[in-house]
Amino acid sequence: MRIVIHAVGRMKAGPEAELCDRYLDRFRRAGGSLGLQFGGVLEPVESRASSVALRKREEAGKLLSHLDASSALILLDERGKDMTSPAFADRLGRFRDDGLSSLVLAIGGPDGHDAELREKADMVLSFGQATFPHQIVRILLAEQLYRATTILSGHPYHRA
């Protein structure tokens, strides 16, 4: 299963980008043997529409263009489901085992995700109720993807 991160806006160079890249590289190397291929990061430009609703709708349209009938969608949002790392790993494994061709994990723009997009999502995931800068969310997601591969493979990186 190909895993893609869809993150509205660009990650600026710096220590955050380096840390994110480090975890994504670990995920890329560890995931292949588990049937989890890293498909990269898509960084659509933040919408400049005149209203919040239009911005969210425009950004949702860009995201939906990357999905097909054999894709799953997980939105990251502070109002989503809080999961343990083993539960997240199990969910990735089930998506893979169900024969999905791809999984898109989406970090919304500053205004969040469109309500219709939230309804189409297979899951809305939270890393806590606090609001984090997009750079931090990317790091958290990258680390959790790597951690999921270690859990699925029985590697000792994750200690309960």
N, C-alpha and C. Protein backbone atom coordinates (compact mmCIF):
# COMPACT_ATOMS: atom_id res chain seq x y z
N MET A 1 0.85 -1.17 0.00
CA MET A 1 0.00 0.00 0.00
C MET A 1 0.89 1.24 0.00
N ARG A 2 0.57 2.14 -0.87
CA ARG A 2 1.34 3.39 -0.99
C ARG A 2 0.77 4.41 0.00
N ILE A 3 1.63 5.01 0.80
CA ILE A 3 1.21 6.00 1.80
C ILE A 3 1.74 7.37 1.40
N VAL A 4 0.82 8.32 1.29
CA VAL A 4 1.14 9.68 0.88
C VAL A 4 0.69 10.64 1.97
N ILE A 5 1.52 11.65 2.23
CA ILE A 5 1.14 12.73 3.14
C ILE A 5 0.73 13.92 2.27
N HIS A 6 -0.46 14.42 2.50
CA HIS A 6 -0.97 15.59 1.79
C HIS A 6 -1.05 16.72 2.82
N ALA A 7 -0.17 17.70 2.69
CA ALA A 7 -0.07 18.76 3.69
C ALA A 7 -0.18 20.12 3.00
N VAL A 8 -1.21 20.86 3.31
CA VAL A 8 -1.40 22.18 2.71
C VAL A 8 -0.28 23.10 3.18
N GLY A 9 0.41 23.71 2.23
CA GLY A 9 1.51 24.63 2.54
C GLY A 9 2.85 23.93 2.53
N ARG A 10 3.87 24.70 2.38
CA ARG A 10 5.24 24.19 2.27
C ARG A 10 5.93 24.12 3.63
N MET A 11 6.76 23.11 3.77
CA MET A 11 7.62 22.98 4.95
C MET A 11 8.88 23.77 4.67
N LYS A 12 9.16 24.73 5.50
CA LYS A 12 10.36 25.55 5.32
C LYS A 12 11.61 24.79 5.76
N ALA A 13 12.74 25.11 5.15
CA ALA A 13 14.00 24.48 5.54
C ALA A 13 14.31 24.83 6.99
N GLY A 14 14.94 23.92 7.66
CA GLY A 14 15.32 24.16 9.05
C GLY A 14 15.30 22.87 9.83
N PRO A 15 15.48 22.96 11.14
CA PRO A 15 15.58 21.75 11.96
C PRO A 15 14.29 20.92 11.95
N GLU A 16 13.12 21.56 11.82
CA GLU A 16 11.87 20.82 11.77
C GLU A 16 11.83 19.95 10.52
N ALA A 17 12.20 20.52 9.38
CA ALA A 17 12.21 19.78 8.11
C ALA A 17 13.22 18.63 8.18
N GLU A 18 14.37 18.87 8.79
CA GLU A 18 15.39 17.83 8.90
C GLU A 18 14.89 16.67 9.76
N LEU A 19 14.23 16.98 10.87
CA LEU A 19 13.73 15.92 11.75
C LEU A 19 12.61 15.15 11.05
N CYS A 20 11.72 15.85 10.39
CA CYS A 20 10.65 15.19 9.64
C CYS A 20 11.24 14.26 8.58
N ASP A 21 12.20 14.76 7.82
CA ASP A 21 12.84 13.95 6.77
C ASP A 21 13.53 12.72 7.36
N ARG A 22 14.12 12.87 8.54
CA ARG A 22 14.79 11.74 9.18
C ARG A 22 13.80 10.62 9.47
N TYR A 23 12.62 10.97 10.04
CA TYR A 23 11.62 9.94 10.32
C TYR A 23 11.01 9.38 9.05
N LEU A 24 10.79 10.22 8.04
CA LEU A 24 10.23 9.72 6.78
C LEU A 24 11.21 8.78 6.09
N ASP A 25 12.49 9.08 6.19
CA ASP A 25 13.49 8.18 5.61
C ASP A 25 13.49 6.84 6.34
N ARG A 26 13.38 6.87 7.66
CA ARG A 26 13.30 5.63 8.44
C ARG A 26 12.05 4.84 8.04
N PHE A 27 10.94 5.55 7.89
CA PHE A 27 9.70 4.90 7.48
C PHE A 27 9.86 4.28 6.09
N ARG A 28 10.45 5.03 5.18
CA ARG A 28 10.65 4.55 3.81
C ARG A 28 11.46 3.25 3.81
N ARG A 29 12.53 3.22 4.60
CA ARG A 29 13.40 2.04 4.64
C ARG A 29 12.74 0.85 5.34
N ALA A 30 11.98 1.10 6.39
CA ALA A 30 11.39 0.01 7.17
C ALA A 30 10.06 -0.48 6.61
N GLY A 31 9.32 0.39 5.93
CA GLY A 31 7.97 0.04 5.50
C GLY A 31 7.88 -0.91 4.33
N GLY A 32 8.85 -0.85 3.42
CA GLY A 32 8.77 -1.65 2.21
C GLY A 32 8.60 -3.13 2.45
N SER A 33 9.32 -3.67 3.41
CA SER A 33 9.22 -5.10 3.69
C SER A 33 7.88 -5.48 4.31
N LEU A 34 7.14 -4.48 4.77
CA LEU A 34 5.82 -4.71 5.38
C LEU A 34 4.68 -4.41 4.41
N GLY A 35 5.02 -4.06 3.18
CA GLY A 35 3.99 -3.72 2.21
C GLY A 35 3.50 -2.29 2.35
N LEU A 36 4.29 -1.43 2.98
CA LEU A 36 3.95 -0.03 3.17
C LEU A 36 4.99 0.83 2.45
N GLN A 37 4.67 1.28 1.25
CA GLN A 37 5.60 2.09 0.48
C GLN A 37 5.29 3.57 0.70
N PHE A 38 6.33 4.35 0.92
CA PHE A 38 6.15 5.79 1.10
C PHE A 38 6.05 6.45 -0.27
N GLY A 39 4.94 7.12 -0.51
CA GLY A 39 4.68 7.77 -1.79
C GLY A 39 5.03 9.24 -1.82
N GLY A 40 5.59 9.76 -0.74
CA GLY A 40 6.02 11.15 -0.71
C GLY A 40 5.05 12.09 -0.04
N VAL A 41 5.40 13.36 -0.14
CA VAL A 41 4.61 14.43 0.48
C VAL A 41 4.11 15.35 -0.64
N LEU A 42 2.82 15.57 -0.66
CA LEU A 42 2.21 16.53 -1.59
C LEU A 42 1.98 17.81 -0.80
N GLU A 43 2.39 18.94 -1.36
CA GLU A 43 2.28 20.22 -0.67
C GLU A 43 1.52 21.24 -1.53
N PRO A 44 0.19 21.09 -1.62
CA PRO A 44 -0.55 22.08 -2.40
C PRO A 44 -0.48 23.45 -1.72
N VAL A 45 -0.51 24.47 -2.54
CA VAL A 45 -0.45 25.84 -2.03
C VAL A 45 -1.74 26.15 -1.28
N GLU A 46 -1.60 26.86 -0.19
CA GLU A 46 -2.75 27.30 0.60
C GLU A 46 -3.68 28.14 -0.26
N SER A 47 -4.98 27.89 -0.16
CA SER A 47 -5.96 28.64 -0.94
C SER A 47 -5.96 30.11 -0.54
N ARG A 48 -6.21 30.96 -1.50
CA ARG A 48 -6.32 32.41 -1.27
C ARG A 48 -7.75 32.90 -1.49
N ALA A 49 -8.71 31.97 -1.47
CA ALA A 49 -10.11 32.35 -1.67
C ALA A 49 -10.54 33.35 -0.61
N SER A 50 -11.61 34.07 -0.90
CA SER A 50 -12.02 35.19 -0.05
C SER A 50 -12.70 34.80 1.26
N SER A 51 -13.20 33.57 1.37
CA SER A 51 -13.87 33.17 2.61
C SER A 51 -13.30 31.85 3.11
N VAL A 52 -13.50 31.60 4.39
CA VAL A 52 -13.03 30.36 5.00
C VAL A 52 -13.66 29.16 4.30
N ALA A 53 -14.97 29.21 4.08
CA ALA A 53 -15.67 28.09 3.45
C ALA A 53 -15.11 27.80 2.06
N LEU A 54 -14.86 28.84 1.29
CA LEU A 54 -14.31 28.64 -0.05
C LEU A 54 -12.89 28.10 0.00
N ARG A 55 -12.10 28.59 0.94
CA ARG A 55 -10.72 28.10 1.08
C ARG A 55 -10.73 26.61 1.41
N LYS A 56 -11.55 26.22 2.38
CA LYS A 56 -11.63 24.82 2.76
C LYS A 56 -12.10 23.96 1.58
N ARG A 57 -13.10 24.42 0.85
CA ARG A 57 -13.63 23.67 -0.28
C ARG A 57 -12.59 23.51 -1.39
N GLU A 58 -11.86 24.59 -1.66
CA GLU A 58 -10.82 24.55 -2.69
C GLU A 58 -9.70 23.58 -2.30
N GLU A 59 -9.27 23.64 -1.05
CA GLU A 59 -8.22 22.73 -0.58
C GLU A 59 -8.70 21.28 -0.57
N ALA A 60 -9.98 21.06 -0.23
CA ALA A 60 -10.55 19.71 -0.26
C ALA A 60 -10.56 19.16 -1.68
N GLY A 61 -10.89 20.01 -2.65
CA GLY A 61 -10.90 19.58 -4.05
C GLY A 61 -9.54 19.10 -4.52
N LYS A 62 -8.50 19.80 -4.11
CA LYS A 62 -7.13 19.39 -4.46
C LYS A 62 -6.81 18.03 -3.87
N LEU A 63 -7.23 17.83 -2.63
CA LEU A 63 -6.98 16.56 -1.96
C LEU A 63 -7.75 15.42 -2.63
N LEU A 64 -9.02 15.65 -2.92
CA LEU A 64 -9.85 14.59 -3.50
C LEU A 64 -9.34 14.15 -4.87
N SER A 65 -8.64 15.02 -5.56
CA SER A 65 -8.10 14.65 -6.88
C SER A 65 -7.01 13.58 -6.77
N HIS A 66 -6.50 13.33 -5.58
CA HIS A 66 -5.45 12.32 -5.38
C HIS A 66 -6.00 10.99 -4.87
N LEU A 67 -7.31 10.88 -4.74
CA LEU A 67 -7.92 9.65 -4.25
C LEU A 67 -8.60 8.90 -5.38
N ASP A 68 -8.61 7.57 -5.27
CA ASP A 68 -9.38 6.76 -6.20
C ASP A 68 -10.21 5.76 -5.38
N ALA A 69 -10.88 4.85 -6.06
CA ALA A 69 -11.78 3.92 -5.38
C ALA A 69 -11.05 2.99 -4.42
N SER A 70 -9.76 2.80 -4.62
CA SER A 70 -8.99 1.90 -3.76
C SER A 70 -8.07 2.66 -2.81
N SER A 71 -8.48 3.88 -2.46
CA SER A 71 -7.71 4.71 -1.54
C SER A 71 -8.48 4.89 -0.23
N ALA A 72 -7.73 5.02 0.84
CA ALA A 72 -8.31 5.40 2.13
C ALA A 72 -7.81 6.80 2.47
N LEU A 73 -8.57 7.50 3.27
CA LEU A 73 -8.23 8.87 3.65
C LEU A 73 -8.31 9.01 5.16
N ILE A 74 -7.21 9.49 5.74
CA ILE A 74 -7.19 9.84 7.16
C ILE A 74 -6.90 11.34 7.24
N LEU A 75 -7.79 12.07 7.89
CA LEU A 75 -7.59 13.50 8.12
C LEU A 75 -7.02 13.69 9.51
N LEU A 76 -6.06 14.59 9.64
CA LEU A 76 -5.53 14.93 10.95
C LEU A 76 -6.24 16.20 11.43
N ASP A 77 -6.80 16.12 12.63
CA ASP A 77 -7.61 17.22 13.16
C ASP A 77 -7.70 17.07 14.67
N GLU A 78 -7.58 18.17 15.39
CA GLU A 78 -7.61 18.09 16.85
C GLU A 78 -8.93 17.56 17.39
N ARG A 79 -9.99 17.56 16.58
CA ARG A 79 -11.29 17.03 17.02
C ARG A 79 -11.47 15.57 16.63
N GLY A 80 -10.42 14.96 16.11
CA GLY A 80 -10.51 13.57 15.66
C GLY A 80 -10.34 12.58 16.80
N LYS A 81 -10.18 11.33 16.41
CA LYS A 81 -10.03 10.24 17.36
C LYS A 81 -8.59 10.19 17.86
N ASP A 82 -8.45 10.11 19.16
CA ASP A 82 -7.14 9.97 19.79
C ASP A 82 -6.83 8.47 19.85
N MET A 83 -5.67 8.06 19.32
CA MET A 83 -5.32 6.65 19.27
C MET A 83 -3.95 6.41 19.90
N THR A 84 -3.79 5.23 20.43
CA THR A 84 -2.46 4.83 20.87
C THR A 84 -1.63 4.48 19.63
N SER A 85 -0.34 4.45 19.78
CA SER A 85 0.53 4.07 18.66
C SER A 85 0.25 2.64 18.18
N PRO A 86 0.07 1.66 19.08
CA PRO A 86 -0.26 0.32 18.60
C PRO A 86 -1.60 0.27 17.85
N ALA A 87 -2.58 1.05 18.29
CA ALA A 87 -3.87 1.08 17.57
C ALA A 87 -3.71 1.70 16.19
N PHE A 88 -2.89 2.74 16.08
CA PHE A 88 -2.62 3.36 14.78
C PHE A 88 -1.90 2.36 13.86
N ALA A 89 -0.92 1.66 14.39
CA ALA A 89 -0.20 0.65 13.60
C ALA A 89 -1.16 -0.43 13.13
N ASP A 90 -2.03 -0.87 14.02
CA ASP A 90 -3.02 -1.90 13.66
C ASP A 90 -3.94 -1.41 12.53
N ARG A 91 -4.34 -0.14 12.62
CA ARG A 91 -5.23 0.43 11.58
C ARG A 91 -4.51 0.46 10.23
N LEU A 92 -3.24 0.87 10.22
CA LEU A 92 -2.48 0.87 8.97
C LEU A 92 -2.38 -0.56 8.42
N GLY A 93 -2.10 -1.50 9.29
CA GLY A 93 -2.02 -2.90 8.87
C GLY A 93 -3.33 -3.41 8.29
N ARG A 94 -4.44 -3.02 8.88
CA ARG A 94 -5.75 -3.45 8.37
C ARG A 94 -6.05 -2.82 7.02
N PHE A 95 -5.72 -1.52 6.85
CA PHE A 95 -5.90 -0.90 5.53
C PHE A 95 -5.10 -1.68 4.48
N ARG A 96 -3.86 -1.98 4.80
CA ARG A 96 -2.99 -2.74 3.89
C ARG A 96 -3.57 -4.11 3.60
N ASP A 97 -3.98 -4.82 4.65
CA ASP A 97 -4.49 -6.18 4.50
C ASP A 97 -5.82 -6.22 3.77
N ASP A 98 -6.56 -5.13 3.79
CA ASP A 98 -7.83 -5.05 3.05
C ASP A 98 -7.61 -4.83 1.56
N GLY A 99 -6.35 -4.70 1.14
CA GLY A 99 -6.04 -4.59 -0.27
C GLY A 99 -6.13 -3.19 -0.85
N LEU A 100 -6.12 -2.18 0.00
CA LEU A 100 -6.16 -0.81 -0.51
C LEU A 100 -4.85 -0.50 -1.24
N SER A 101 -4.96 0.25 -2.32
CA SER A 101 -3.75 0.59 -3.08
C SER A 101 -3.02 1.76 -2.46
N SER A 102 -3.76 2.66 -1.81
CA SER A 102 -3.10 3.83 -1.24
C SER A 102 -3.85 4.35 -0.02
N LEU A 103 -3.09 5.06 0.78
CA LEU A 103 -3.62 5.74 1.96
C LEU A 103 -3.08 7.16 1.92
N VAL A 104 -3.98 8.13 2.01
CA VAL A 104 -3.58 9.53 2.06
C VAL A 104 -3.84 10.03 3.47
N LEU A 105 -2.81 10.58 4.09
CA LEU A 105 -2.92 11.20 5.41
C LEU A 105 -2.85 12.70 5.18
N ALA A 106 -3.89 13.42 5.58
CA ALA A 106 -4.02 14.83 5.21
C ALA A 106 -3.96 15.77 6.40
N ILE A 107 -3.07 16.76 6.24
CA ILE A 107 -2.95 17.87 7.19
C ILE A 107 -3.56 19.07 6.49
N GLY A 108 -4.60 19.64 7.06
CA GLY A 108 -5.31 20.74 6.42
C GLY A 108 -4.56 22.06 6.49
N GLY A 109 -5.15 23.04 5.84
CA GLY A 109 -4.61 24.40 5.89
C GLY A 109 -4.94 25.06 7.21
N PRO A 110 -4.61 26.33 7.35
CA PRO A 110 -4.84 27.05 8.61
C PRO A 110 -6.31 27.08 9.05
N ASP A 111 -7.22 26.93 8.10
CA ASP A 111 -8.65 26.95 8.43
C ASP A 111 -9.21 25.57 8.73
N GLY A 112 -8.40 24.54 8.56
CA GLY A 112 -8.85 23.18 8.83
C GLY A 112 -9.42 22.51 7.60
N HIS A 113 -10.17 21.43 7.83
CA HIS A 113 -10.73 20.63 6.74
C HIS A 113 -12.18 20.99 6.49
N ASP A 114 -12.59 20.85 5.26
CA ASP A 114 -13.97 21.05 4.83
C ASP A 114 -14.86 19.98 5.47
N ALA A 115 -16.08 20.36 5.87
CA ALA A 115 -17.01 19.43 6.53
C ALA A 115 -17.35 18.24 5.63
N GLU A 116 -17.54 18.47 4.34
CA GLU A 116 -17.85 17.37 3.42
C GLU A 116 -16.66 16.40 3.32
N LEU A 117 -15.46 16.93 3.35
CA LEU A 117 -14.27 16.09 3.31
C LEU A 117 -14.18 15.24 4.56
N ARG A 118 -14.52 15.82 5.70
CA ARG A 118 -14.52 15.07 6.97
C ARG A 118 -15.48 13.89 6.89
N GLU A 119 -16.61 14.09 6.22
CA GLU A 119 -17.59 13.01 6.11
C GLU A 119 -17.11 11.89 5.18
N LYS A 120 -16.29 12.23 4.20
CA LYS A 120 -15.77 11.24 3.24
C LYS A 120 -14.57 10.48 3.80
N ALA A 121 -13.95 11.01 4.83
CA ALA A 121 -12.74 10.41 5.39
C ALA A 121 -13.04 9.05 6.02
N ASP A 122 -12.09 8.15 5.90
CA ASP A 122 -12.21 6.84 6.55
C ASP A 122 -11.94 6.96 8.04
N MET A 123 -11.19 8.00 8.41
CA MET A 123 -10.90 8.23 9.82
C MET A 123 -10.43 9.67 9.99
N VAL A 124 -10.79 10.26 11.12
CA VAL A 124 -10.26 11.57 11.50
C VAL A 124 -9.44 11.32 12.76
N LEU A 125 -8.15 11.62 12.66
CA LEU A 125 -7.19 11.28 13.70
C LEU A 125 -6.71 12.54 14.41
N SER A 126 -6.52 12.43 15.71
CA SER A 126 -6.02 13.55 16.50
C SER A 126 -4.72 13.15 17.19
N PHE A 127 -3.80 14.11 17.26
CA PHE A 127 -2.61 13.94 18.08
C PHE A 127 -2.77 14.71 19.38
N GLY A 128 -4.01 14.98 19.76
CA GLY A 128 -4.32 15.72 20.98
C GLY A 128 -5.23 16.89 20.67
N GLN A 129 -5.81 17.47 21.70
CA GLN A 129 -6.77 18.55 21.50
C GLN A 129 -6.11 19.90 21.25
N ALA A 130 -4.85 20.01 21.52
CA ALA A 130 -4.16 21.27 21.27
C ALA A 130 -3.97 21.47 19.76
N THR A 131 -3.83 22.72 19.37
CA THR A 131 -3.53 23.04 17.98
C THR A 131 -2.02 23.19 17.87
N PHE A 132 -1.44 22.50 16.87
CA PHE A 132 0.01 22.53 16.67
C PHE A 132 0.33 23.20 15.33
N PRO A 133 1.50 23.81 15.23
CA PRO A 133 1.94 24.31 13.92
C PRO A 133 2.09 23.12 12.96
N HIS A 134 1.85 23.38 11.69
CA HIS A 134 1.90 22.31 10.69
C HIS A 134 3.25 21.58 10.68
N GLN A 135 4.33 22.30 10.93
CA GLN A 135 5.64 21.65 10.94
C GLN A 135 5.72 20.59 12.03
N ILE A 136 5.15 20.90 13.19
CA ILE A 136 5.17 19.94 14.31
C ILE A 136 4.27 18.75 14.00
N VAL A 137 3.11 19.01 13.40
CA VAL A 137 2.20 17.91 13.05
C VAL A 137 2.89 16.97 12.05
N ARG A 138 3.61 17.54 11.11
CA ARG A 138 4.33 16.70 10.14
C ARG A 138 5.36 15.82 10.83
N ILE A 139 6.07 16.38 11.78
CA ILE A 139 7.06 15.60 12.52
C ILE A 139 6.36 14.49 13.30
N LEU A 140 5.27 14.82 13.99
CA LEU A 140 4.53 13.81 14.75
C LEU A 140 4.03 12.70 13.84
N LEU A 141 3.48 13.07 12.69
CA LEU A 141 2.97 12.07 11.76
C LEU A 141 4.10 11.19 11.22
N ALA A 142 5.20 11.81 10.83
CA ALA A 142 6.33 11.05 10.30
C ALA A 142 6.85 10.06 11.35
N GLU A 143 6.95 10.51 12.60
CA GLU A 143 7.44 9.62 13.66
C GLU A 143 6.45 8.49 13.89
N GLN A 144 5.15 8.78 13.87
CA GLN A 144 4.16 7.74 14.10
C GLN A 144 4.13 6.72 12.96
N LEU A 145 4.37 7.17 11.74
CA LEU A 145 4.46 6.22 10.63
C LEU A 145 5.65 5.29 10.82
N TYR A 146 6.79 5.85 11.20
CA TYR A 146 7.96 5.01 11.47
C TYR A 146 7.67 4.07 12.64
N ARG A 147 7.10 4.61 13.71
CA ARG A 147 6.80 3.79 14.89
C ARG A 147 5.84 2.66 14.51
N ALA A 148 4.87 2.95 13.65
CA ALA A 148 3.92 1.91 13.22
C ALA A 148 4.65 0.76 12.54
N THR A 149 5.65 1.08 11.72
CA THR A 149 6.39 0.00 11.05
C THR A 149 7.17 -0.83 12.06
N THR A 150 7.70 -0.18 13.08
CA THR A 150 8.45 -0.94 14.08
C THR A 150 7.51 -1.83 14.90
N ILE A 151 6.31 -1.33 15.18
CA ILE A 151 5.33 -2.14 15.91
C ILE A 151 4.90 -3.33 15.06
N LEU A 152 4.58 -3.09 13.79
CA LEU A 152 4.13 -4.17 12.91
C LEU A 152 5.21 -5.22 12.68
N SER A 153 6.47 -4.81 12.75
CA SER A 153 7.56 -5.75 12.50
C SER A 153 8.11 -6.38 13.78
N GLY A 154 7.62 -5.93 14.93
CA GLY A 154 8.11 -6.47 16.20
C GLY A 154 9.45 -5.90 16.64
N HIS A 155 9.87 -4.80 16.04
CA HIS A 155 11.13 -4.14 16.39
C HIS A 155 10.98 -3.50 17.78
N PRO A 156 12.03 -3.47 18.58
CA PRO A 156 11.93 -2.93 19.95
C PRO A 156 11.87 -1.40 20.08
N TYR A 157 11.83 -0.65 18.97
CA TYR A 157 11.77 0.81 19.05
C TYR A 157 10.61 1.26 19.95
N HIS A 158 9.44 0.65 19.76
CA HIS A 158 8.28 1.00 20.58
C HIS A 158 8.27 0.14 21.83
N ARG A 159 8.28 0.79 22.95
CA ARG A 159 8.20 0.08 24.22
C ARG A 159 6.92 0.48 24.92
N ALA A 160 6.11 -0.47 25.26
CA ALA A 160 4.81 -0.20 25.88
C ALA A 160 4.96 0.15 27.35
